[in-house]
């Protein structure tokens, strides 16, 4: 989360510095029509290429990435606390980790051996696919803003050519051409400074959650086999070392 904030602020600083030192006025970079084409077109394509379930998953993952990561308790601590509770002959209460709570429910229902292993492995696999699907949705949409920016630029150039027949259009040719090119700029900025970095962060978060799910699966198997607290802690420590 800290790197997300730092990177975002650094990107904004780069863009602001570039605009500030540009010989063109700030108004040259303001193109509401181009902005509508790029942002509106990106949202439209996202809606056309994704179903409701994928969109909800994407928004949920982005929300977790931005708001929940800082307050999220380390899964290793949760697993160790659950192990200590079991060592005392008690059963852990709700942990707040969805897949872990589901796994504890299976364990509490008396499942063990191959039956429990299959539920754990299949459940983790489905969770991993869901997480990566959200990241892939955003990664795929990142290729469209530059093309949409070109669409906005083409519209602007057509308007410029249309005005070349009069003196005013010829006089303002350079200004109007620069104005038209801002749509391409919007597309490049949206793709390279917003969507692509966020997509990469989601992929990194997906990999981290994949490791955590693997940790949960293996730890629940150890609980089922009645392994000692020391062994469980050492096994969890292996994930920490990696």
C-alpha atoms as a PDB file:
ATOM      1  CA  UNK A   1       0.000   0.000   0.000  1.00  0.00           C
ATOM      2  CA  UNK A   2       2.844   2.391   0.865  1.00  0.00           C
ATOM      3  CA  UNK A   3       4.471   1.775  -2.509  1.00  0.00           C
ATOM      4  CA  UNK A   4       1.139   2.390  -4.242  1.00  0.00           C
ATOM      5  CA  UNK A   5       0.803   5.799  -2.599  1.00  0.00           C
ATOM      6  CA  UNK A   6       4.455   6.678  -3.189  1.00  0.00           C
ATOM      7  CA  UNK A   7       4.356   5.618  -6.836  1.00  0.00           C
ATOM      8  CA  UNK A   8       1.102   7.516  -7.451  1.00  0.00           C
ATOM      9  CA  UNK A   9       2.480  10.711  -5.923  1.00  0.00           C
ATOM     10  CA  UNK A  10       5.708  10.357  -7.909  1.00  0.00           C
ATOM     11  CA  UNK A  11       3.758   9.883 -11.159  1.00  0.00           C
ATOM     12  CA  UNK A  12       1.646  12.946 -10.445  1.00  0.00           C
ATOM     13  CA  UNK A  13       4.794  14.933  -9.683  1.00  0.00           C
ATOM     14  CA  UNK A  14       6.377  13.865 -12.974  1.00  0.00           C
ATOM     15  CA  UNK A  15       3.325  14.889 -14.989  1.00  0.00           C
ATOM     16  CA  UNK A  16       2.890  18.157 -13.099  1.00  0.00           C
ATOM     17  CA  UNK A  17       6.555  19.076 -13.579  1.00  0.00           C
ATOM     18  CA  UNK A  18       6.361  18.279 -17.288  1.00  0.00           C
ATOM     19  CA  UNK A  19       3.277  20.430 -17.763  1.00  0.00           C
ATOM     20  CA  UNK A  20       4.768  23.230 -15.663  1.00  0.00           C
ATOM     21  CA  UNK A  21       7.920  23.444 -17.756  1.00  0.00           C
ATOM     22  CA  UNK A  22       6.112  23.030 -21.044  1.00  0.00           C
ATOM     23  CA  UNK A  23       6.214  26.080 -23.302  1.00  0.00           C
ATOM     24  CA  UNK A  24       2.536  25.576 -24.052  1.00  0.00           C
ATOM     25  CA  UNK A  25      -0.059  26.948 -21.678  1.00  0.00           C
ATOM     26  CA  UNK A  26      -2.066  24.685 -19.417  1.00  0.00           C
ATOM     27  CA  UNK A  27      -5.145  25.284 -21.553  1.00  0.00           C
ATOM     28  CA  UNK A  28      -3.402  23.502 -24.437  1.00  0.00           C
ATOM     29  CA  UNK A  29      -3.622  20.247 -22.508  1.00  0.00           C
ATOM     30  CA  UNK A  30      -7.299  20.609 -21.607  1.00  0.00           C
ATOM     31  CA  UNK A  31      -9.431  18.639 -24.049  1.00  0.00           C
ATOM     32  CA  UNK A  32     -12.779  17.603 -22.512  1.00  0.00           C
ATOM     33  CA  UNK A  33     -13.881  15.786 -25.667  1.00  0.00           C
ATOM     34  CA  UNK A  34     -10.684  13.714 -25.761  1.00  0.00           C
ATOM     35  CA  UNK A  35     -11.026  12.920 -22.076  1.00  0.00           C
ATOM     36  CA  UNK A  36     -14.580  11.705 -22.605  1.00  0.00           C
ATOM     37  CA  UNK A  37     -13.525   9.484 -25.509  1.00  0.00           C
ATOM     38  CA  UNK A  38     -10.612   7.921 -23.573  1.00  0.00           C
ATOM     39  CA  UNK A  39     -12.235   7.444 -20.163  1.00  0.00           C
ATOM     40  CA  UNK A  40     -15.745   6.817 -21.422  1.00  0.00           C
ATOM     41  CA  UNK A  41     -14.496   4.463 -24.111  1.00  0.00           C
ATOM     42  CA  UNK A  42     -12.366   2.522 -21.604  1.00  0.00           C
ATOM     43  CA  UNK A  43     -15.326   2.070 -19.266  1.00  0.00           C
ATOM     44  CA  UNK A  44     -17.550   1.051 -22.187  1.00  0.00           C
ATOM     45  CA  UNK A  45     -15.065  -1.586 -23.362  1.00  0.00           C
ATOM     46  CA  UNK A  46     -14.688  -2.855 -19.807  1.00  0.00           C
ATOM     47  CA  UNK A  47     -18.454  -3.323 -19.608  1.00  0.00           C
ATOM     48  CA  UNK A  48     -18.601  -5.007 -23.015  1.00  0.00           C
ATOM     49  CA  UNK A  49     -15.764  -7.446 -22.373  1.00  0.00           C
ATOM     50  CA  UNK A  50     -16.572  -8.409 -18.771  1.00  0.00           C
ATOM     51  CA  UNK A  51     -19.600  -9.918 -17.089  1.00  0.00           C
ATOM     52  CA  UNK A  52     -21.112  -8.732 -13.831  1.00  0.00           C
ATOM     53  CA  UNK A  53     -19.284 -11.350 -11.760  1.00  0.00           C
ATOM     54  CA  UNK A  54     -15.898 -10.362 -13.191  1.00  0.00           C
ATOM     55  CA  UNK A  55     -16.573  -6.665 -12.626  1.00  0.00           C
ATOM     56  CA  UNK A  56     -17.648  -7.207  -9.026  1.00  0.00           C
ATOM     57  CA  UNK A  57     -14.534  -9.318  -8.442  1.00  0.00           C
ATOM     58  CA  UNK A  58     -12.315  -6.626  -9.956  1.00  0.00           C
ATOM     59  CA  UNK A  59     -13.798  -3.829  -7.842  1.00  0.00           C
ATOM     60  CA  UNK A  60     -13.577  -6.024  -4.742  1.00  0.00           C
ATOM     61  CA  UNK A  61      -9.882  -6.757  -5.372  1.00  0.00           C
ATOM     62  CA  UNK A  62      -9.093  -3.076  -5.982  1.00  0.00           C
ATOM     63  CA  UNK A  63     -10.929  -2.142  -2.774  1.00  0.00           C
ATOM     64  CA  UNK A  64      -8.970  -4.751  -0.818  1.00  0.00           C
ATOM     65  CA  UNK A  65      -5.704  -3.589  -2.349  1.00  0.00           C
ATOM     66  CA  UNK A  66      -6.261   0.081  -1.516  1.00  0.00           C
ATOM     67  CA  UNK A  67      -8.176  -0.011   1.770  1.00  0.00           C
ATOM     68  CA  UNK A  68      -7.712  -3.383   3.459  1.00  0.00           C
ATOM     69  CA  UNK A  69      -4.053  -4.279   3.005  1.00  0.00           C
ATOM     70  CA  UNK A  70      -2.681  -1.925   5.639  1.00  0.00           C
ATOM     71  CA  UNK A  71      -5.031  -3.231   8.346  1.00  0.00           C
ATOM     72  CA  UNK A  72      -4.850  -6.873   7.305  1.00  0.00           C
ATOM     73  CA  UNK A  73      -3.453  -9.120  10.000  1.00  0.00           C
ATOM     74  CA  UNK A  74      -0.539 -11.339   8.976  1.00  0.00           C
ATOM     75  CA  UNK A  75      -1.942 -14.755   8.069  1.00  0.00           C
ATOM     76  CA  UNK A  76       1.006 -16.419   9.806  1.00  0.00           C
ATOM     77  CA  UNK A  77      -0.020 -14.891  13.130  1.00  0.00           C
ATOM     78  CA  UNK A  78      -3.603 -16.047  12.606  1.00  0.00           C
ATOM     79  CA  UNK A  79      -2.519 -19.612  11.877  1.00  0.00           C
ATOM     80  CA  UNK A  80      -0.178 -19.741  14.876  1.00  0.00           C
ATOM     81  CA  UNK A  81      -2.911 -18.413  17.182  1.00  0.00           C
ATOM     82  CA  UNK A  82      -5.299 -21.064  15.866  1.00  0.00           C
ATOM     83  CA  UNK A  83      -2.625 -23.720  16.454  1.00  0.00           C
ATOM     84  CA  UNK A  84      -2.172 -22.574  20.052  1.00  0.00           C
ATOM     85  CA  UNK A  85      -5.927 -22.729  20.584  1.00  0.00           C
ATOM     86  CA  UNK A  86      -6.047 -26.283  19.247  1.00  0.00           C
ATOM     87  CA  UNK A  87      -3.064 -27.241  21.402  1.00  0.00           C
ATOM     88  CA  UNK A  88      -5.228 -26.356  24.410  1.00  0.00           C
ATOM     89  CA  UNK A  89      -7.962 -28.699  23.195  1.00  0.00           C
ATOM     90  CA  UNK A  90     -10.236 -25.909  21.993  1.00  0.00           C
ATOM     91  CA  UNK A  91     -11.484 -25.087  18.495  1.00  0.00           C
ATOM     92  CA  UNK A  92     -10.725 -21.654  16.972  1.00  0.00           C
ATOM     93  CA  UNK A  93     -13.559 -19.191  16.559  1.00  0.00           C
ATOM     94  CA  UNK A  94     -14.069 -17.064  13.454  1.00  0.00           C
ATOM     95  CA  UNK A  95     -10.731 -15.742  12.180  1.00  0.00           C
ATOM     96  CA  UNK A  96     -11.931 -13.221   9.621  1.00  0.00           C
ATOM     97  CA  UNK A  97     -10.088 -15.039   6.833  1.00  0.00           C
ATOM     98  CA  UNK A  98     -12.782 -16.483   4.565  1.00  0.00           C
ATOM     99  CA  UNK A  99     -10.983 -19.535   3.233  1.00  0.00           C
ATOM    100  CA  UNK A 100      -9.489 -20.353   6.629  1.00  0.00           C
ATOM    101  CA  UNK A 101     -12.912 -20.156   8.276  1.00  0.00           C
ATOM    102  CA  UNK A 102     -14.304 -22.424   5.575  1.00  0.00           C
ATOM    103  CA  UNK A 103     -11.441 -24.871   6.120  1.00  0.00           C
ATOM    104  CA  UNK A 104     -12.000 -24.844   9.881  1.00  0.00           C
ATOM    105  CA  UNK A 105     -15.641 -25.641   9.212  1.00  0.00           C
ATOM    106  CA  UNK A 106     -14.626 -28.717   7.210  1.00  0.00           C
ATOM    107  CA  UNK A 107     -12.211 -29.750   9.936  1.00  0.00           C
ATOM    108  CA  UNK A 108     -14.828 -29.197  12.626  1.00  0.00           C
ATOM    109  CA  UNK A 109     -17.293 -31.335  10.683  1.00  0.00           C
ATOM    110  CA  UNK A 110     -14.936 -34.281  11.099  1.00  0.00           C
ATOM    111  CA  UNK A 111     -13.529 -34.416   7.584  1.00  0.00           C
ATOM    112  CA  UNK A 112     -10.028 -35.821   7.237  1.00  0.00           C
ATOM    113  CA  UNK A 113      -7.684 -37.678   4.925  1.00  0.00           C
ATOM    114  CA  UNK A 114      -8.267 -37.643   1.175  1.00  0.00           C
ATOM    115  CA  UNK A 115     -11.724 -36.058   1.518  1.00  0.00           C
ATOM    116  CA  UNK A 116     -10.413 -33.053   3.402  1.00  0.00           C
ATOM    117  CA  UNK A 117      -7.359 -32.790   1.127  1.00  0.00           C
ATOM    118  CA  UNK A 118      -9.556 -32.660  -1.982  1.00  0.00           C
ATOM    119  CA  UNK A 119     -11.783 -29.922  -0.562  1.00  0.00           C
ATOM    120  CA  UNK A 120      -8.748 -27.879   0.501  1.00  0.00           C
ATOM    121  CA  UNK A 121      -6.912 -28.224  -2.802  1.00  0.00           C
ATOM    122  CA  UNK A 122      -9.990 -27.655  -4.990  1.00  0.00           C
ATOM    123  CA  UNK A 123     -11.178 -24.746  -2.841  1.00  0.00           C
ATOM    124  CA  UNK A 124      -7.777 -23.046  -2.949  1.00  0.00           C
ATOM    125  CA  UNK A 125      -7.559 -23.593  -6.714  1.00  0.00           C
ATOM    126  CA  UNK A 126     -10.905 -21.878  -7.265  1.00  0.00           C
ATOM    127  CA  UNK A 127      -9.892 -18.984  -5.025  1.00  0.00           C
ATOM    128  CA  UNK A 128      -6.612 -18.545  -6.935  1.00  0.00           C
ATOM    129  CA  UNK A 129      -8.422 -18.581 -10.293  1.00  0.00           C
ATOM    130  CA  UNK A 130     -10.854 -15.946  -9.052  1.00  0.00           C
ATOM    131  CA  UNK A 131      -8.051 -13.664  -7.856  1.00  0.00           C
ATOM    132  CA  UNK A 132      -6.039 -13.970 -11.074  1.00  0.00           C
ATOM    133  CA  UNK A 133      -9.173 -13.430 -13.155  1.00  0.00           C
ATOM    134  CA  UNK A 134      -9.658  -9.989 -11.602  1.00  0.00           C
ATOM    135  CA  UNK A 135      -6.046  -9.061 -12.310  1.00  0.00           C
ATOM    136  CA  UNK A 136      -6.294 -10.285 -15.899  1.00  0.00           C
ATOM    137  CA  UNK A 137      -9.455  -8.240 -16.546  1.00  0.00           C
ATOM    138  CA  UNK A 138      -7.579  -5.045 -15.704  1.00  0.00           C
ATOM    139  CA  UNK A 139      -4.465  -6.140 -17.605  1.00  0.00           C
ATOM    140  CA  UNK A 140      -6.499  -6.743 -20.770  1.00  0.00           C
ATOM    141  CA  UNK A 141      -8.281  -3.397 -20.600  1.00  0.00           C
ATOM    142  CA  UNK A 142      -4.956  -1.521 -20.391  1.00  0.00           C
ATOM    143  CA  UNK A 143      -4.305  -1.915 -24.122  1.00  0.00           C
ATOM    144  CA  UNK A 144      -7.353   0.134 -25.152  1.00  0.00           C
ATOM    145  CA  UNK A 145      -6.779   3.728 -23.851  1.00  0.00           C
ATOM    146  CA  UNK A 146      -3.922   4.525 -26.314  1.00  0.00           C
ATOM    147  CA  UNK A 147      -6.088   3.366 -29.237  1.00  0.00           C
ATOM    148  CA  UNK A 148      -9.028   5.386 -27.930  1.00  0.00           C
ATOM    149  CA  UNK A 149      -6.705   8.388 -27.646  1.00  0.00           C
ATOM    150  CA  UNK A 150      -5.860   7.983 -31.317  1.00  0.00           C
ATOM    151  CA  UNK A 151      -9.584   7.950 -32.098  1.00  0.00           C
ATOM    152  CA  UNK A 152      -9.952  11.276 -30.300  1.00  0.00           C
ATOM    153  CA  UNK A 153      -6.955  12.665 -32.167  1.00  0.00           C
ATOM    154  CA  UNK A 154      -8.383  11.572 -35.539  1.00  0.00           C
ATOM    155  CA  UNK A 155     -11.638  13.337 -34.724  1.00  0.00           C
ATOM    156  CA  UNK A 156      -9.668  16.480 -33.926  1.00  0.00           C
ATOM    157  CA  UNK A 157      -7.591  16.284 -37.131  1.00  0.00           C
ATOM    158  CA  UNK A 158     -10.723  15.833 -39.227  1.00  0.00           C
ATOM    159  CA  UNK A 159     -12.131  18.987 -37.662  1.00  0.00           C
ATOM    160  CA  UNK A 160      -8.858  20.811 -38.413  1.00  0.00           C
ATOM    161  CA  UNK A 161      -8.912  19.792 -42.090  1.00  0.00           C
ATOM    162  CA  UNK A 162     -12.508  20.874 -42.281  1.00  0.00           C
ATOM    163  CA  UNK A 163     -11.528  24.347 -41.121  1.00  0.00           C
ATOM    164  CA  UNK A 164      -8.586  24.834 -43.477  1.00  0.00           C
ATOM    165  CA  UNK A 165     -10.872  26.383 -46.034  1.00  0.00           C
ATOM    166  CA  UNK A 166     -11.169  29.585 -44.028  1.00  0.00           C
ATOM    167  CA  UNK A 167      -8.580  32.065 -42.772  1.00  0.00           C
ATOM    168  CA  UNK A 168      -9.309  31.447 -39.092  1.00  0.00           C
ATOM    169  CA  UNK A 169      -8.708  27.708 -39.471  1.00  0.00           C
ATOM    170  CA  UNK A 170      -5.386  28.303 -41.222  1.00  0.00           C
ATOM    171  CA  UNK A 171      -4.263  30.804 -38.608  1.00  0.00           C
ATOM    172  CA  UNK A 172      -4.935  28.494 -35.694  1.00  0.00           C
ATOM    173  CA  UNK A 173      -3.703  25.307 -37.384  1.00  0.00           C
ATOM    174  CA  UNK A 174      -0.818  24.696 -34.967  1.00  0.00           C
ATOM    175  CA  UNK A 175      -2.913  25.343 -31.869  1.00  0.00           C
ATOM    176  CA  UNK A 176      -5.754  23.116 -33.058  1.00  0.00           C
ATOM    177  CA  UNK A 177      -3.365  20.314 -34.010  1.00  0.00           C
ATOM    178  CA  UNK A 178      -1.755  20.423 -30.563  1.00  0.00           C
ATOM    179  CA  UNK A 179      -5.229  20.355 -29.045  1.00  0.00           C
ATOM    180  CA  UNK A 180      -6.134  17.269 -31.071  1.00  0.00           C
ATOM    181  CA  UNK A 181      -2.991  15.422 -29.960  1.00  0.00           C
ATOM    182  CA  UNK A 182      -3.953  15.745 -26.297  1.00  0.00           C
ATOM    183  CA  UNK A 183      -6.401  12.865 -26.745  1.00  0.00           C
ATOM    184  CA  UNK A 184      -3.470  10.576 -27.536  1.00  0.00           C
ATOM    185  CA  UNK A 185      -1.682  11.945 -24.476  1.00  0.00           C
ATOM    186  CA  UNK A 186      -4.695  11.099 -22.296  1.00  0.00           C
ATOM    187  CA  UNK A 187      -4.717   7.554 -23.641  1.00  0.00           C
ATOM    188  CA  UNK A 188      -1.015   7.021 -22.957  1.00  0.00           C
ATOM    189  CA  UNK A 189      -1.222   8.483 -19.452  1.00  0.00           C
ATOM    190  CA  UNK A 190      -4.307   6.430 -18.571  1.00  0.00           C
ATOM    191  CA  UNK A 191      -2.709   3.209 -19.766  1.00  0.00           C
ATOM    192  CA  UNK A 192       0.862   3.653 -18.527  1.00  0.00           C
ATOM    193  CA  UNK A 193       0.383   5.704 -15.365  1.00  0.00           C
ATOM    194  CA  UNK A 194      -2.910   4.282 -14.079  1.00  0.00           C
ATOM    195  CA  UNK A 195      -4.133   0.972 -15.469  1.00  0.00           C
ATOM    196  CA  UNK A 196      -0.833  -0.857 -16.034  1.00  0.00           C
ATOM    197  CA  UNK A 197       0.655  -0.096 -12.581  1.00  0.00           C
ATOM    198  CA  UNK A 198      -2.628  -0.993 -10.865  1.00  0.00           C
ATOM    199  CA  UNK A 199      -2.797  -4.209 -12.891  1.00  0.00           C
ATOM    200  CA  UNK A 200       0.742  -5.104 -11.838  1.00  0.00           C
ATOM    201  CA  UNK A 201      -0.132  -4.480  -8.195  1.00  0.00           C
ATOM    202  CA  UNK A 202      -3.176  -6.742  -8.505  1.00  0.00           C
ATOM    203  CA  UNK A 203      -0.999  -9.485 -10.000  1.00  0.00           C
ATOM    204  CA  UNK A 204       1.454  -9.112  -7.121  1.00  0.00           C
ATOM    205  CA  UNK A 205      -1.405  -9.232  -4.627  1.00  0.00           C
ATOM    206  CA  UNK A 206      -2.761 -12.323  -6.393  1.00  0.00           C
ATOM    207  CA  UNK A 207       0.621 -14.038  -6.041  1.00  0.00           C
ATOM    208  CA  UNK A 208       0.759 -13.134  -2.335  1.00  0.00           C
ATOM    209  CA  UNK A 209      -2.726 -14.504  -1.752  1.00  0.00           C
ATOM    210  CA  UNK A 210      -1.752 -17.657  -3.620  1.00  0.00           C
ATOM    211  CA  UNK A 211       1.100 -18.164  -1.149  1.00  0.00           C
ATOM    212  CA  UNK A 212      -1.254 -17.499   1.780  1.00  0.00           C
ATOM    213  CA  UNK A 213      -3.799 -20.000   0.484  1.00  0.00           C
ATOM    214  CA  UNK A 214      -1.073 -22.599   0.130  1.00  0.00           C
ATOM    215  CA  UNK A 215      -0.033 -21.873   3.707  1.00  0.00           C
ATOM    216  CA  UNK A 216      -3.601 -22.345   4.937  1.00  0.00           C
ATOM    217  CA  UNK A 217      -4.032 -25.621   3.034  1.00  0.00           C
ATOM    218  CA  UNK A 218      -0.826 -27.144   4.401  1.00  0.00           C
ATOM    219  CA  UNK A 219      -1.454 -25.925   7.952  1.00  0.00           C
ATOM    220  CA  UNK A 220      -4.999 -27.320   8.044  1.00  0.00           C
ATOM    221  CA  UNK A 221      -3.599 -30.658   6.861  1.00  0.00           C
ATOM    222  CA  UNK A 222      -1.122 -30.558   9.774  1.00  0.00           C
ATOM    223  CA  UNK A 223      -3.971 -29.835  12.185  1.00  0.00           C
ATOM    224  CA  UNK A 224      -5.896 -32.766  10.782  1.00  0.00           C
ATOM    225  CA  UNK A 225      -2.847 -35.012  11.322  1.00  0.00           C
ATOM    226  CA  UNK A 226      -2.596 -33.798  14.956  1.00  0.00           C
ATOM    227  CA  UNK A 227       0.928 -32.482  14.486  1.00  0.00           C
ATOM    228  CA  UNK A 228       2.558 -30.680  17.427  1.00  0.00           C
ATOM    229  CA  UNK A 229       2.449 -26.921  17.881  1.00  0.00           C
ATOM    230  CA  UNK A 230       6.232 -26.753  17.490  1.00  0.00           C
ATOM    231  CA  UNK A 231       6.131 -28.550  14.136  1.00  0.00           C
ATOM    232  CA  UNK A 232       3.262 -26.355  12.869  1.00  0.00           C
ATOM    233  CA  UNK A 233       5.104 -23.179  13.878  1.00  0.00           C
ATOM    234  CA  UNK A 234       8.297 -24.343  12.202  1.00  0.00           C
ATOM    235  CA  UNK A 235       6.377 -25.206   9.044  1.00  0.00           C
ATOM    236  CA  UNK A 236       4.716 -21.793   8.960  1.00  0.00           C
ATOM    237  CA  UNK A 237       8.148 -20.249   9.503  1.00  0.00           C
ATOM    238  CA  UNK A 238       9.298 -21.781   6.235  1.00  0.00           C
ATOM    239  CA  UNK A 239       6.812 -19.568   4.382  1.00  0.00           C
ATOM    240  CA  UNK A 240       8.106 -16.558   6.262  1.00  0.00           C
ATOM    241  CA  UNK A 241      11.650 -17.383   5.167  1.00  0.00           C
ATOM    242  CA  UNK A 242      10.558 -17.586   1.518  1.00  0.00           C
END
